[in-house]
Amino acid sequence: MVRTNKVSHLTVIFLVLLLSGCFRGVNKADLPGTYAFEENGLKQEITINANGRYSNTLFSNGAVIWSDAGGWVYETVAGETGITFGDFRSGVDDTSVKFGLDKTFNLPGYWFVVPERTFFGHKQICFDKDANKCFQAREN
């Protein structure tokens, strides 16, 4: 009986430690890099530069559909620290999780998102975390 309780407690402690490390934040110095999301022959790439600028490109079967650029800031909003992209245009509709090629959908605006690290340390920027839809950092 005592051994079973000890094993159960160790299992609970292990699970708590494992789950608490699943998603960790990304500090400002680690943000720069290229992040990509691909689905159904389409790919959107965001390249974050250390100088506060980013580029954003949507591809269809390897051909550029559109490309633009803007500025970003690292800030705290409503208690969460993340990145705000200015003049950001999404090729991904986060409500239907489809790529939006319609120009009325692709109007630029602000996008605040909290970058995170997976359990294995990979950087990602999620636009629909529940569906595991994330821009993954290209590892060098």
N, C-alpha and C. Protein backbone atom coordinates (compact mmCIF):
# COMPACT_ATOMS: atom_id res chain seq x y z
N MET A 1 0.83 -1.19 0.00
CA MET A 1 0.00 0.00 0.00
C MET A 1 0.87 1.25 0.00
N VAL A 2 1.88 1.31 0.82
CA VAL A 2 2.76 2.47 0.89
C VAL A 2 3.51 2.65 -0.43
N ARG A 3 3.95 1.55 -1.01
CA ARG A 3 4.68 1.61 -2.29
C ARG A 3 3.78 2.15 -3.40
N THR A 4 2.53 1.74 -3.45
CA THR A 4 1.59 2.21 -4.47
C THR A 4 1.38 3.72 -4.36
N ASN A 5 1.22 4.24 -3.15
CA ASN A 5 1.04 5.67 -2.95
C ASN A 5 2.29 6.44 -3.36
N LYS A 6 3.47 5.88 -3.08
CA LYS A 6 4.71 6.54 -3.44
C LYS A 6 4.84 6.61 -4.96
N VAL A 7 4.51 5.53 -5.65
CA VAL A 7 4.57 5.51 -7.11
C VAL A 7 3.56 6.50 -7.69
N SER A 8 2.36 6.54 -7.13
CA SER A 8 1.33 7.47 -7.60
C SER A 8 1.78 8.92 -7.43
N HIS A 9 2.38 9.24 -6.30
CA HIS A 9 2.86 10.60 -6.06
C HIS A 9 3.97 10.97 -7.03
N LEU A 10 4.88 10.05 -7.28
CA LEU A 10 5.96 10.31 -8.23
C LEU A 10 5.41 10.50 -9.64
N THR A 11 4.41 9.73 -10.00
CA THR A 11 3.78 9.87 -11.32
C THR A 11 3.12 11.23 -11.47
N VAL A 12 2.40 11.66 -10.45
CA VAL A 12 1.75 12.97 -10.48
C VAL A 12 2.79 14.08 -10.58
N ILE A 13 3.84 14.00 -9.80
CA ILE A 13 4.90 15.02 -9.84
C ILE A 13 5.53 15.06 -11.22
N PHE A 14 5.81 13.92 -11.81
CA PHE A 14 6.40 13.85 -13.14
C PHE A 14 5.47 14.49 -14.18
N LEU A 15 4.19 14.17 -14.12
CA LEU A 15 3.24 14.73 -15.08
C LEU A 15 3.11 16.24 -14.95
N VAL A 16 3.10 16.74 -13.72
CA VAL A 16 3.02 18.18 -13.51
C VAL A 16 4.24 18.87 -14.09
N LEU A 17 5.42 18.33 -13.84
CA LEU A 17 6.65 18.91 -14.39
C LEU A 17 6.66 18.84 -15.91
N LEU A 18 6.21 17.74 -16.47
CA LEU A 18 6.17 17.57 -17.91
C LEU A 18 5.22 18.57 -18.56
N LEU A 19 4.02 18.69 -18.03
CA LEU A 19 3.02 19.58 -18.61
C LEU A 19 3.37 21.05 -18.41
N SER A 20 4.01 21.39 -17.32
CA SER A 20 4.36 22.79 -17.09
C SER A 20 5.44 23.26 -18.05
N GLY A 21 6.18 22.35 -18.63
CA GLY A 21 7.23 22.73 -19.58
C GLY A 21 6.83 22.59 -21.02
N CYS A 22 5.58 22.20 -21.28
CA CYS A 22 5.15 21.98 -22.67
C CYS A 22 5.26 23.24 -23.51
N PHE A 23 4.79 24.35 -23.01
CA PHE A 23 4.84 25.58 -23.77
C PHE A 23 5.51 26.65 -22.92
N ARG A 24 6.66 27.09 -23.37
CA ARG A 24 7.40 28.13 -22.69
C ARG A 24 7.47 29.34 -23.60
N GLY A 25 7.60 30.50 -23.02
CA GLY A 25 7.68 31.72 -23.81
C GLY A 25 8.98 31.84 -24.58
N VAL A 26 8.99 32.78 -25.50
CA VAL A 26 10.18 33.09 -26.29
C VAL A 26 10.54 34.52 -25.99
N ASN A 27 11.76 34.75 -25.53
CA ASN A 27 12.15 36.13 -25.21
C ASN A 27 12.48 36.90 -26.49
N LYS A 28 12.55 38.20 -26.38
CA LYS A 28 12.72 39.09 -27.53
C LYS A 28 13.97 38.75 -28.35
N ALA A 29 15.06 38.45 -27.68
CA ALA A 29 16.32 38.15 -28.38
C ALA A 29 16.23 36.88 -29.23
N ASP A 30 15.35 35.96 -28.84
CA ASP A 30 15.21 34.70 -29.57
C ASP A 30 14.15 34.73 -30.67
N LEU A 31 13.41 35.84 -30.81
CA LEU A 31 12.34 35.91 -31.80
C LEU A 31 12.81 35.90 -33.25
N PRO A 32 13.88 36.64 -33.60
CA PRO A 32 14.25 36.71 -35.02
C PRO A 32 14.42 35.33 -35.66
N GLY A 33 13.95 35.25 -36.90
CA GLY A 33 14.02 34.01 -37.66
C GLY A 33 12.85 33.92 -38.61
N THR A 34 12.79 32.82 -39.36
CA THR A 34 11.71 32.61 -40.32
C THR A 34 10.77 31.55 -39.78
N TYR A 35 9.47 31.84 -39.83
CA TYR A 35 8.42 30.96 -39.35
C TYR A 35 7.50 30.65 -40.53
N ALA A 36 7.08 29.40 -40.67
CA ALA A 36 6.25 29.02 -41.81
C ALA A 36 5.09 28.12 -41.38
N PHE A 37 3.98 28.28 -42.11
CA PHE A 37 2.83 27.40 -41.97
C PHE A 37 2.45 26.95 -43.38
N GLU A 38 2.26 25.62 -43.55
CA GLU A 38 1.90 25.06 -44.86
C GLU A 38 0.65 24.22 -44.74
N GLU A 39 -0.21 24.33 -45.77
CA GLU A 39 -1.42 23.53 -45.82
C GLU A 39 -1.97 23.57 -47.25
N ASN A 40 -2.31 22.42 -47.79
CA ASN A 40 -2.96 22.30 -49.09
C ASN A 40 -2.24 23.03 -50.22
N GLY A 41 -0.91 22.90 -50.29
CA GLY A 41 -0.14 23.52 -51.37
C GLY A 41 0.15 24.99 -51.18
N LEU A 42 -0.32 25.56 -50.08
CA LEU A 42 -0.08 26.97 -49.78
C LEU A 42 0.84 27.08 -48.57
N LYS A 43 1.66 28.12 -48.58
CA LYS A 43 2.58 28.35 -47.46
C LYS A 43 2.66 29.84 -47.19
N GLN A 44 2.60 30.18 -45.90
CA GLN A 44 2.83 31.57 -45.49
C GLN A 44 4.10 31.58 -44.65
N GLU A 45 4.99 32.51 -44.98
CA GLU A 45 6.26 32.66 -44.25
C GLU A 45 6.35 34.05 -43.66
N ILE A 46 6.74 34.10 -42.40
CA ILE A 46 6.98 35.37 -41.71
C ILE A 46 8.44 35.37 -41.29
N THR A 47 9.19 36.38 -41.72
CA THR A 47 10.59 36.51 -41.30
C THR A 47 10.67 37.70 -40.36
N ILE A 48 11.03 37.43 -39.11
CA ILE A 48 11.14 38.46 -38.08
C ILE A 48 12.61 38.87 -37.99
N ASN A 49 12.88 40.15 -38.20
CA ASN A 49 14.24 40.68 -38.12
C ASN A 49 14.45 41.37 -36.77
N ALA A 50 15.68 41.36 -36.29
CA ALA A 50 16.02 41.93 -34.99
C ALA A 50 15.81 43.45 -34.94
N ASN A 51 15.75 44.12 -36.11
CA ASN A 51 15.64 45.57 -36.15
C ASN A 51 14.19 46.08 -36.02
N GLY A 52 13.24 45.19 -35.68
CA GLY A 52 11.86 45.61 -35.51
C GLY A 52 11.04 45.59 -36.79
N ARG A 53 11.56 44.98 -37.82
CA ARG A 53 10.85 44.84 -39.10
C ARG A 53 10.59 43.36 -39.37
N TYR A 54 9.59 43.08 -40.19
CA TYR A 54 9.31 41.71 -40.60
C TYR A 54 8.89 41.71 -42.07
N SER A 55 9.04 40.56 -42.71
CA SER A 55 8.49 40.36 -44.05
C SER A 55 7.50 39.21 -43.96
N ASN A 56 6.53 39.22 -44.85
CA ASN A 56 5.41 38.30 -44.79
C ASN A 56 5.05 37.91 -46.22
N THR A 57 5.13 36.63 -46.55
CA THR A 57 4.91 36.18 -47.93
C THR A 57 3.98 34.98 -47.97
N LEU A 58 3.04 35.00 -48.92
CA LEU A 58 2.15 33.88 -49.15
C LEU A 58 2.50 33.24 -50.49
N PHE A 59 2.69 31.92 -50.49
CA PHE A 59 3.04 31.16 -51.69
C PHE A 59 1.93 30.17 -52.01
N SER A 60 1.74 29.91 -53.30
CA SER A 60 0.86 28.84 -53.76
C SER A 60 1.67 27.96 -54.70
N ASN A 61 1.87 26.70 -54.29
CA ASN A 61 2.70 25.76 -55.06
C ASN A 61 4.05 26.36 -55.44
N GLY A 62 4.66 27.08 -54.50
CA GLY A 62 5.99 27.65 -54.69
C GLY A 62 6.02 29.03 -55.33
N ALA A 63 4.91 29.50 -55.90
CA ALA A 63 4.87 30.82 -56.53
C ALA A 63 4.33 31.85 -55.53
N VAL A 64 4.93 33.04 -55.55
CA VAL A 64 4.51 34.10 -54.64
C VAL A 64 3.14 34.64 -55.06
N ILE A 65 2.20 34.66 -54.11
CA ILE A 65 0.88 35.24 -54.33
C ILE A 65 0.93 36.72 -53.95
N TRP A 66 1.47 37.01 -52.77
CA TRP A 66 1.72 38.37 -52.34
C TRP A 66 2.84 38.37 -51.30
N SER A 67 3.45 39.54 -51.15
CA SER A 67 4.51 39.72 -50.17
C SER A 67 4.46 41.16 -49.68
N ASP A 68 4.62 41.33 -48.40
CA ASP A 68 4.67 42.68 -47.85
C ASP A 68 5.55 42.69 -46.60
N ALA A 69 5.64 43.84 -45.97
CA ALA A 69 6.51 43.99 -44.82
C ALA A 69 5.90 45.02 -43.87
N GLY A 70 6.40 45.01 -42.65
CA GLY A 70 5.92 45.96 -41.65
C GLY A 70 6.82 45.96 -40.43
N GLY A 71 6.34 46.59 -39.38
CA GLY A 71 7.10 46.65 -38.14
C GLY A 71 6.48 45.79 -37.07
N TRP A 72 7.28 45.44 -36.06
CA TRP A 72 6.79 44.66 -34.93
C TRP A 72 7.38 45.22 -33.64
N VAL A 73 6.65 45.01 -32.55
CA VAL A 73 7.14 45.38 -31.22
C VAL A 73 6.89 44.22 -30.27
N TYR A 74 7.76 44.11 -29.29
CA TYR A 74 7.64 43.11 -28.22
C TYR A 74 7.05 43.83 -27.03
N GLU A 75 5.86 43.42 -26.60
CA GLU A 75 5.17 44.17 -25.55
C GLU A 75 4.29 43.26 -24.71
N THR A 76 3.78 43.83 -23.62
CA THR A 76 2.85 43.10 -22.75
C THR A 76 1.46 43.68 -22.94
N VAL A 77 0.51 42.80 -23.27
CA VAL A 77 -0.88 43.19 -23.48
C VAL A 77 -1.74 42.28 -22.62
N ALA A 78 -2.58 42.87 -21.79
CA ALA A 78 -3.48 42.11 -20.91
C ALA A 78 -2.74 41.03 -20.12
N GLY A 79 -1.54 41.37 -19.66
CA GLY A 79 -0.77 40.45 -18.82
C GLY A 79 0.04 39.40 -19.56
N GLU A 80 -0.04 39.39 -20.88
CA GLU A 80 0.73 38.42 -21.67
C GLU A 80 1.77 39.16 -22.50
N THR A 81 2.99 38.63 -22.51
CA THR A 81 4.07 39.24 -23.28
C THR A 81 4.20 38.53 -24.61
N GLY A 82 4.20 39.32 -25.66
CA GLY A 82 4.28 38.75 -27.00
C GLY A 82 4.70 39.78 -28.02
N ILE A 83 4.35 39.50 -29.26
CA ILE A 83 4.76 40.34 -30.37
C ILE A 83 3.51 40.90 -31.05
N THR A 84 3.55 42.19 -31.37
CA THR A 84 2.49 42.82 -32.14
C THR A 84 3.06 43.17 -33.50
N PHE A 85 2.44 42.59 -34.54
CA PHE A 85 2.81 42.90 -35.92
C PHE A 85 1.92 44.05 -36.37
N GLY A 86 2.51 45.10 -36.92
CA GLY A 86 1.75 46.20 -37.50
C GLY A 86 1.58 45.97 -38.99
N ASP A 87 0.46 46.42 -39.54
CA ASP A 87 0.16 46.26 -40.97
C ASP A 87 0.31 44.81 -41.41
N PHE A 88 -0.14 43.89 -40.56
CA PHE A 88 -0.01 42.46 -40.86
C PHE A 88 -1.17 41.99 -41.72
N ARG A 89 -0.85 41.21 -42.73
CA ARG A 89 -1.87 40.63 -43.61
C ARG A 89 -1.77 39.12 -43.48
N SER A 90 -2.87 38.50 -43.16
CA SER A 90 -2.88 37.05 -42.97
C SER A 90 -3.34 36.35 -44.24
N GLY A 91 -2.66 35.28 -44.57
CA GLY A 91 -3.11 34.41 -45.65
C GLY A 91 -3.90 33.26 -45.09
N VAL A 92 -4.04 33.26 -43.77
CA VAL A 92 -4.71 32.17 -43.08
C VAL A 92 -5.93 32.71 -42.36
N ASP A 93 -7.08 32.11 -42.60
CA ASP A 93 -8.31 32.48 -41.90
C ASP A 93 -8.38 31.65 -40.64
N ASP A 94 -8.13 32.26 -39.48
CA ASP A 94 -8.07 31.48 -38.24
C ASP A 94 -9.43 31.00 -37.75
N THR A 95 -10.52 31.43 -38.37
CA THR A 95 -11.82 30.90 -37.95
C THR A 95 -12.19 29.65 -38.75
N SER A 96 -11.83 29.62 -40.01
CA SER A 96 -12.14 28.43 -40.81
C SER A 96 -10.89 27.63 -41.12
N VAL A 97 -9.72 28.17 -40.71
CA VAL A 97 -8.43 27.54 -40.94
C VAL A 97 -8.26 27.19 -42.42
N LYS A 98 -8.47 28.18 -43.25
CA LYS A 98 -8.20 28.03 -44.67
C LYS A 98 -7.42 29.25 -45.11
N PHE A 99 -6.71 29.13 -46.20
CA PHE A 99 -5.97 30.27 -46.70
C PHE A 99 -6.92 31.23 -47.38
N GLY A 100 -6.76 32.51 -47.08
CA GLY A 100 -7.63 33.53 -47.66
C GLY A 100 -6.94 34.23 -48.80
N LEU A 101 -7.35 33.93 -50.00
CA LEU A 101 -6.78 34.60 -51.16
C LEU A 101 -7.65 35.78 -51.59
N ASP A 102 -8.80 35.94 -50.97
CA ASP A 102 -9.73 37.02 -51.25
C ASP A 102 -9.13 38.32 -50.71
N LYS A 103 -9.03 39.32 -51.56
CA LYS A 103 -8.41 40.58 -51.15
C LYS A 103 -9.17 41.27 -50.01
N THR A 104 -10.48 41.08 -49.91
CA THR A 104 -11.22 41.70 -48.82
C THR A 104 -10.85 41.08 -47.48
N PHE A 105 -10.45 39.82 -47.49
CA PHE A 105 -10.02 39.16 -46.26
C PHE A 105 -8.62 39.62 -45.86
N ASN A 106 -7.79 39.93 -46.83
CA ASN A 106 -6.38 40.20 -46.59
C ASN A 106 -6.06 41.66 -46.29
N LEU A 107 -6.98 42.38 -45.69
CA LEU A 107 -6.70 43.76 -45.32
C LEU A 107 -5.71 43.78 -44.17
N PRO A 108 -4.68 44.64 -44.24
CA PRO A 108 -3.69 44.67 -43.17
C PRO A 108 -4.24 45.25 -41.87
N GLY A 109 -3.66 44.79 -40.77
CA GLY A 109 -4.06 45.27 -39.45
C GLY A 109 -3.03 44.88 -38.41
N TYR A 110 -3.39 44.98 -37.15
CA TYR A 110 -2.49 44.59 -36.06
C TYR A 110 -2.79 43.16 -35.64
N TRP A 111 -1.73 42.43 -35.31
CA TRP A 111 -1.89 41.06 -34.81
C TRP A 111 -0.98 40.88 -33.61
N PHE A 112 -1.58 40.68 -32.44
CA PHE A 112 -0.81 40.37 -31.23
C PHE A 112 -0.85 38.87 -31.02
N VAL A 113 0.31 38.29 -30.79
CA VAL A 113 0.41 36.84 -30.58
C VAL A 113 1.54 36.57 -29.59
N VAL A 114 1.37 35.52 -28.81
CA VAL A 114 2.39 35.13 -27.83
C VAL A 114 3.20 33.97 -28.41
N PRO A 115 4.43 34.24 -28.84
CA PRO A 115 5.28 33.14 -29.33
C PRO A 115 5.61 32.19 -28.19
N GLU A 116 5.81 30.94 -28.53
CA GLU A 116 6.09 29.95 -27.49
C GLU A 116 7.07 28.91 -27.99
N ARG A 117 7.55 28.14 -27.05
CA ARG A 117 8.41 26.99 -27.37
C ARG A 117 7.65 25.72 -27.02
N THR A 118 7.81 24.72 -27.87
CA THR A 118 7.20 23.43 -27.59
C THR A 118 8.00 22.73 -26.50
N PHE A 119 7.54 21.60 -26.08
CA PHE A 119 8.25 20.80 -25.09
C PHE A 119 9.67 20.50 -25.55
N PHE A 120 9.86 20.34 -26.86
CA PHE A 120 11.18 20.03 -27.42
C PHE A 120 12.00 21.26 -27.73
N GLY A 121 11.48 22.46 -27.39
CA GLY A 121 12.25 23.70 -27.55
C GLY A 121 12.10 24.40 -28.88
N HIS A 122 11.24 23.92 -29.77
CA HIS A 122 11.04 24.55 -31.07
C HIS A 122 10.16 25.79 -30.92
N LYS A 123 10.56 26.88 -31.57
CA LYS A 123 9.77 28.11 -31.53
C LYS A 123 8.57 27.99 -32.46
N GLN A 124 7.44 28.56 -32.03
CA GLN A 124 6.26 28.58 -32.88
C GLN A 124 5.39 29.78 -32.55
N ILE A 125 4.60 30.19 -33.55
CA ILE A 125 3.63 31.27 -33.40
C ILE A 125 2.30 30.69 -33.83
N CYS A 126 1.39 30.50 -32.88
CA CYS A 126 0.12 29.83 -33.17
C CYS A 126 -0.98 30.83 -33.46
N PHE A 127 -1.75 30.57 -34.51
CA PHE A 127 -2.92 31.38 -34.80
C PHE A 127 -4.20 30.64 -34.44
N ASP A 128 -4.11 29.33 -34.23
CA ASP A 128 -5.24 28.54 -33.74
C ASP A 128 -4.67 27.38 -32.94
N LYS A 129 -4.37 27.67 -31.68
CA LYS A 129 -3.70 26.69 -30.82
C LYS A 129 -4.54 25.44 -30.60
N ASP A 130 -5.87 25.60 -30.52
CA ASP A 130 -6.75 24.45 -30.31
C ASP A 130 -6.65 23.43 -31.45
N ALA A 131 -6.46 23.92 -32.66
CA ALA A 131 -6.34 23.04 -33.82
C ALA A 131 -4.87 22.76 -34.17
N ASN A 132 -3.96 23.20 -33.30
CA ASN A 132 -2.52 23.03 -33.50
C ASN A 132 -2.07 23.63 -34.84
N LYS A 133 -2.58 24.81 -35.15
CA LYS A 133 -2.22 25.54 -36.37
C LYS A 133 -1.22 26.62 -35.98
N CYS A 134 0.05 26.37 -36.28
CA CYS A 134 1.12 27.26 -35.85
C CYS A 134 2.14 27.48 -36.96
N PHE A 135 2.70 28.69 -36.98
CA PHE A 135 3.87 28.95 -37.80
C PHE A 135 5.05 28.36 -37.04
N GLN A 136 5.77 27.45 -37.67
CA GLN A 136 6.91 26.80 -37.03
C GLN A 136 8.20 27.50 -37.46
N ALA A 137 9.10 27.73 -36.50
CA ALA A 137 10.39 28.34 -36.83
C ALA A 137 11.22 27.37 -37.65
N ARG A 138 11.86 27.91 -38.65
CA ARG A 138 12.79 27.11 -39.44
C ARG A 138 14.06 26.95 -38.61
N GLU A 139 14.40 25.73 -38.35
CA GLU A 139 15.59 25.44 -37.53
C GLU A 139 16.83 25.47 -38.42
N ASN A 140 17.86 26.16 -37.94
CA ASN A 140 19.12 26.24 -38.71
C ASN A 140 20.05 25.12 -38.33
